[in-house]
């Protein structure tokens, strides 16, 4: 299953970030996934518990937001919304467009549990 390997790569990234911040637990993961990314959000949600087992993100909430499909028109210069199977300019209906967004899977936000720093002996006086 493609989404399982995507989850494993995501969790590797999450674990590295958690290490950098000294986190003991990952509470929430927010992803933005575009319809042209090649990742099916519902399959990713099903693969997540298996990939996350035994990690700091095992009990984290996996939240997924759709990323919009947007194009930049090479004819009129406009940036506009588009649909996955019709990447036309929203202003002039031109077909010479460049994809700006909609093909990404982005780790947008992490909520981590980071333990408080213990007080030094000088602070406790």
C-alpha atoms as a PDB file:
ATOM      1  CA  UNK A   1       0.000   0.000   0.000  1.00  0.00           C
ATOM      2  CA  UNK A   2       1.512   3.309  -1.146  1.00  0.00           C
ATOM      3  CA  UNK A   3      -0.083   5.282   1.713  1.00  0.00           C
ATOM      4  CA  UNK A   4       1.645   3.121   4.344  1.00  0.00           C
ATOM      5  CA  UNK A   5       5.085   4.109   3.030  1.00  0.00           C
ATOM      6  CA  UNK A   6       3.915   7.746   2.870  1.00  0.00           C
ATOM      7  CA  UNK A   7       2.843   7.490   6.539  1.00  0.00           C
ATOM      8  CA  UNK A   8       6.179   5.986   7.515  1.00  0.00           C
ATOM      9  CA  UNK A   9       8.064   8.833   5.804  1.00  0.00           C
ATOM     10  CA  UNK A  10       5.753  11.368   7.460  1.00  0.00           C
ATOM     11  CA  UNK A  11       6.328   9.835  10.879  1.00  0.00           C
ATOM     12  CA  UNK A  12      10.099   9.857  10.342  1.00  0.00           C
ATOM     13  CA  UNK A  13       9.822  13.608   9.764  1.00  0.00           C
ATOM     14  CA  UNK A  14       7.511  14.044  12.778  1.00  0.00           C
ATOM     15  CA  UNK A  15       9.911  12.091  15.017  1.00  0.00           C
ATOM     16  CA  UNK A  16      12.869  14.256  13.876  1.00  0.00           C
ATOM     17  CA  UNK A  17      10.925  17.425  14.702  1.00  0.00           C
ATOM     18  CA  UNK A  18       9.832  15.998  18.065  1.00  0.00           C
ATOM     19  CA  UNK A  19      13.496  15.177  18.836  1.00  0.00           C
ATOM     20  CA  UNK A  20      14.586  18.717  17.927  1.00  0.00           C
ATOM     21  CA  UNK A  21      12.082  20.147  20.416  1.00  0.00           C
ATOM     22  CA  UNK A  22      12.533  17.557  23.175  1.00  0.00           C
ATOM     23  CA  UNK A  23       8.896  16.467  22.867  1.00  0.00           C
ATOM     24  CA  UNK A  24       7.626  13.457  24.759  1.00  0.00           C
ATOM     25  CA  UNK A  25       4.431  13.120  22.743  1.00  0.00           C
ATOM     26  CA  UNK A  26       2.833  14.281  19.504  1.00  0.00           C
ATOM     27  CA  UNK A  27      -0.751  15.450  20.085  1.00  0.00           C
ATOM     28  CA  UNK A  28      -1.896  16.514  16.608  1.00  0.00           C
ATOM     29  CA  UNK A  29      -0.585  16.381  13.040  1.00  0.00           C
ATOM     30  CA  UNK A  30      -2.084  18.686  10.422  1.00  0.00           C
ATOM     31  CA  UNK A  31      -1.510  17.805   6.776  1.00  0.00           C
ATOM     32  CA  UNK A  32      -2.546  19.682   3.645  1.00  0.00           C
ATOM     33  CA  UNK A  33      -3.032  17.330   0.732  1.00  0.00           C
ATOM     34  CA  UNK A  34      -3.812  18.421  -2.814  1.00  0.00           C
ATOM     35  CA  UNK A  35      -6.010  16.349  -5.120  1.00  0.00           C
ATOM     36  CA  UNK A  36      -3.105  16.002  -7.584  1.00  0.00           C
ATOM     37  CA  UNK A  37      -0.621  14.749  -4.954  1.00  0.00           C
ATOM     38  CA  UNK A  38      -1.140  11.066  -5.680  1.00  0.00           C
ATOM     39  CA  UNK A  39      -2.070  10.488  -2.024  1.00  0.00           C
ATOM     40  CA  UNK A  40      -5.575   9.371  -1.112  1.00  0.00           C
ATOM     41  CA  UNK A  41      -6.470  10.989   2.254  1.00  0.00           C
ATOM     42  CA  UNK A  42      -8.881   8.244   3.351  1.00  0.00           C
ATOM     43  CA  UNK A  43      -6.278   5.528   2.705  1.00  0.00           C
ATOM     44  CA  UNK A  44      -3.669   7.604   4.546  1.00  0.00           C
ATOM     45  CA  UNK A  45      -6.010   7.821   7.552  1.00  0.00           C
ATOM     46  CA  UNK A  46      -6.438   4.029   7.508  1.00  0.00           C
ATOM     47  CA  UNK A  47      -2.677   3.396   7.243  1.00  0.00           C
ATOM     48  CA  UNK A  48      -1.767   5.907   9.961  1.00  0.00           C
ATOM     49  CA  UNK A  49      -2.509   3.770  13.092  1.00  0.00           C
ATOM     50  CA  UNK A  50      -0.351   0.926  11.792  1.00  0.00           C
ATOM     51  CA  UNK A  51       2.570   3.226  10.913  1.00  0.00           C
ATOM     52  CA  UNK A  52       2.300   5.230  14.155  1.00  0.00           C
ATOM     53  CA  UNK A  53       2.219   2.233  16.523  1.00  0.00           C
ATOM     54  CA  UNK A  54       5.023   2.497  19.073  1.00  0.00           C
ATOM     55  CA  UNK A  55       5.941   6.098  18.186  1.00  0.00           C
ATOM     56  CA  UNK A  56       5.380   9.353  20.059  1.00  0.00           C
ATOM     57  CA  UNK A  57       2.603  10.020  17.540  1.00  0.00           C
ATOM     58  CA  UNK A  58       0.726   6.792  18.268  1.00  0.00           C
ATOM     59  CA  UNK A  59      -2.212   8.618  19.893  1.00  0.00           C
ATOM     60  CA  UNK A  60      -1.980  11.826  17.865  1.00  0.00           C
ATOM     61  CA  UNK A  61      -4.936  13.194  15.967  1.00  0.00           C
ATOM     62  CA  UNK A  62      -4.265  13.137  12.235  1.00  0.00           C
ATOM     63  CA  UNK A  63      -6.085  16.085  10.669  1.00  0.00           C
ATOM     64  CA  UNK A  64      -6.157  16.486   6.909  1.00  0.00           C
ATOM     65  CA  UNK A  65      -7.116  19.658   5.042  1.00  0.00           C
ATOM     66  CA  UNK A  66      -7.547  19.742   1.280  1.00  0.00           C
ATOM     67  CA  UNK A  67      -5.106  21.974  -0.601  1.00  0.00           C
ATOM     68  CA  UNK A  68      -6.699  23.932  -3.453  1.00  0.00           C
ATOM     69  CA  UNK A  69      -5.713  23.515  -7.080  1.00  0.00           C
ATOM     70  CA  UNK A  70      -4.351  26.849  -8.349  1.00  0.00           C
ATOM     71  CA  UNK A  71      -2.732  27.739 -11.648  1.00  0.00           C
ATOM     72  CA  UNK A  72      -0.706  30.636 -13.032  1.00  0.00           C
ATOM     73  CA  UNK A  73      -1.636  31.603 -16.592  1.00  0.00           C
ATOM     74  CA  UNK A  74       1.312  32.027 -18.957  1.00  0.00           C
ATOM     75  CA  UNK A  75      -0.873  34.107 -21.317  1.00  0.00           C
ATOM     76  CA  UNK A  76      -2.516  36.724 -19.071  1.00  0.00           C
ATOM     77  CA  UNK A  77      -0.435  36.326 -15.886  1.00  0.00           C
ATOM     78  CA  UNK A  78      -3.422  35.684 -13.593  1.00  0.00           C
ATOM     79  CA  UNK A  79      -3.382  33.194 -10.751  1.00  0.00           C
ATOM     80  CA  UNK A  80      -6.693  31.428 -10.252  1.00  0.00           C
ATOM     81  CA  UNK A  81      -8.442  28.368  -8.908  1.00  0.00           C
ATOM     82  CA  UNK A  82      -8.791  25.365 -11.192  1.00  0.00           C
ATOM     83  CA  UNK A  83     -10.175  21.865 -11.046  1.00  0.00           C
ATOM     84  CA  UNK A  84      -7.928  18.790 -11.245  1.00  0.00           C
ATOM     85  CA  UNK A  85      -9.004  17.699 -14.701  1.00  0.00           C
ATOM     86  CA  UNK A  86      -9.252  21.245 -16.204  1.00  0.00           C
ATOM     87  CA  UNK A  87      -6.200  23.325 -15.420  1.00  0.00           C
ATOM     88  CA  UNK A  88      -7.516  26.363 -17.269  1.00  0.00           C
ATOM     89  CA  UNK A  89      -7.054  30.024 -16.371  1.00  0.00           C
ATOM     90  CA  UNK A  90      -9.997  31.390 -14.419  1.00  0.00           C
ATOM     91  CA  UNK A  91      -9.608  34.819 -16.053  1.00  0.00           C
ATOM     92  CA  UNK A  92      -9.010  34.179 -19.777  1.00  0.00           C
ATOM     93  CA  UNK A  93      -9.776  30.414 -19.993  1.00  0.00           C
ATOM     94  CA  UNK A  94      -6.286  29.869 -21.433  1.00  0.00           C
ATOM     95  CA  UNK A  95      -4.800  26.398 -21.354  1.00  0.00           C
ATOM     96  CA  UNK A  96      -1.148  27.498 -21.073  1.00  0.00           C
ATOM     97  CA  UNK A  97      -0.955  27.340 -17.296  1.00  0.00           C
ATOM     98  CA  UNK A  98       1.561  26.323 -14.660  1.00  0.00           C
ATOM     99  CA  UNK A  99       0.394  24.506 -11.550  1.00  0.00           C
ATOM    100  CA  UNK A 100       0.954  26.630  -8.417  1.00  0.00           C
ATOM    101  CA  UNK A 101      -0.654  24.338  -5.839  1.00  0.00           C
ATOM    102  CA  UNK A 102      -2.720  21.191  -5.596  1.00  0.00           C
ATOM    103  CA  UNK A 103      -0.020  18.565  -6.021  1.00  0.00           C
ATOM    104  CA  UNK A 104       1.498  18.821  -2.547  1.00  0.00           C
ATOM    105  CA  UNK A 105       1.352  16.895   0.690  1.00  0.00           C
ATOM    106  CA  UNK A 106       2.512  19.366   3.298  1.00  0.00           C
ATOM    107  CA  UNK A 107       3.114  18.892   7.008  1.00  0.00           C
ATOM    108  CA  UNK A 108       1.412  22.141   8.000  1.00  0.00           C
ATOM    109  CA  UNK A 109       1.432  21.956  11.802  1.00  0.00           C
ATOM    110  CA  UNK A 110       2.438  19.786  14.752  1.00  0.00           C
ATOM    111  CA  UNK A 111       1.209  20.015  18.321  1.00  0.00           C
ATOM    112  CA  UNK A 112       3.757  18.553  20.703  1.00  0.00           C
ATOM    113  CA  UNK A 113       3.949  17.873  24.423  1.00  0.00           C
ATOM    114  CA  UNK A 114       7.201  19.340  25.682  1.00  0.00           C
ATOM    115  CA  UNK A 115       8.028  18.859  29.368  1.00  0.00           C
ATOM    116  CA  UNK A 116       8.768  21.948  31.423  1.00  0.00           C
ATOM    117  CA  UNK A 117      12.413  22.645  32.168  1.00  0.00           C
ATOM    118  CA  UNK A 118      13.243  21.684  35.745  1.00  0.00           C
ATOM    119  CA  UNK A 119      14.107  24.621  37.964  1.00  0.00           C
ATOM    120  CA  UNK A 120      17.799  25.017  38.651  1.00  0.00           C
ATOM    121  CA  UNK A 121      18.927  25.196  42.285  1.00  0.00           C
ATOM    122  CA  UNK A 122      19.526  28.968  41.871  1.00  0.00           C
ATOM    123  CA  UNK A 123      15.878  29.453  40.831  1.00  0.00           C
ATOM    124  CA  UNK A 124      14.505  27.610  43.837  1.00  0.00           C
ATOM    125  CA  UNK A 125      16.103  29.873  46.452  1.00  0.00           C
END
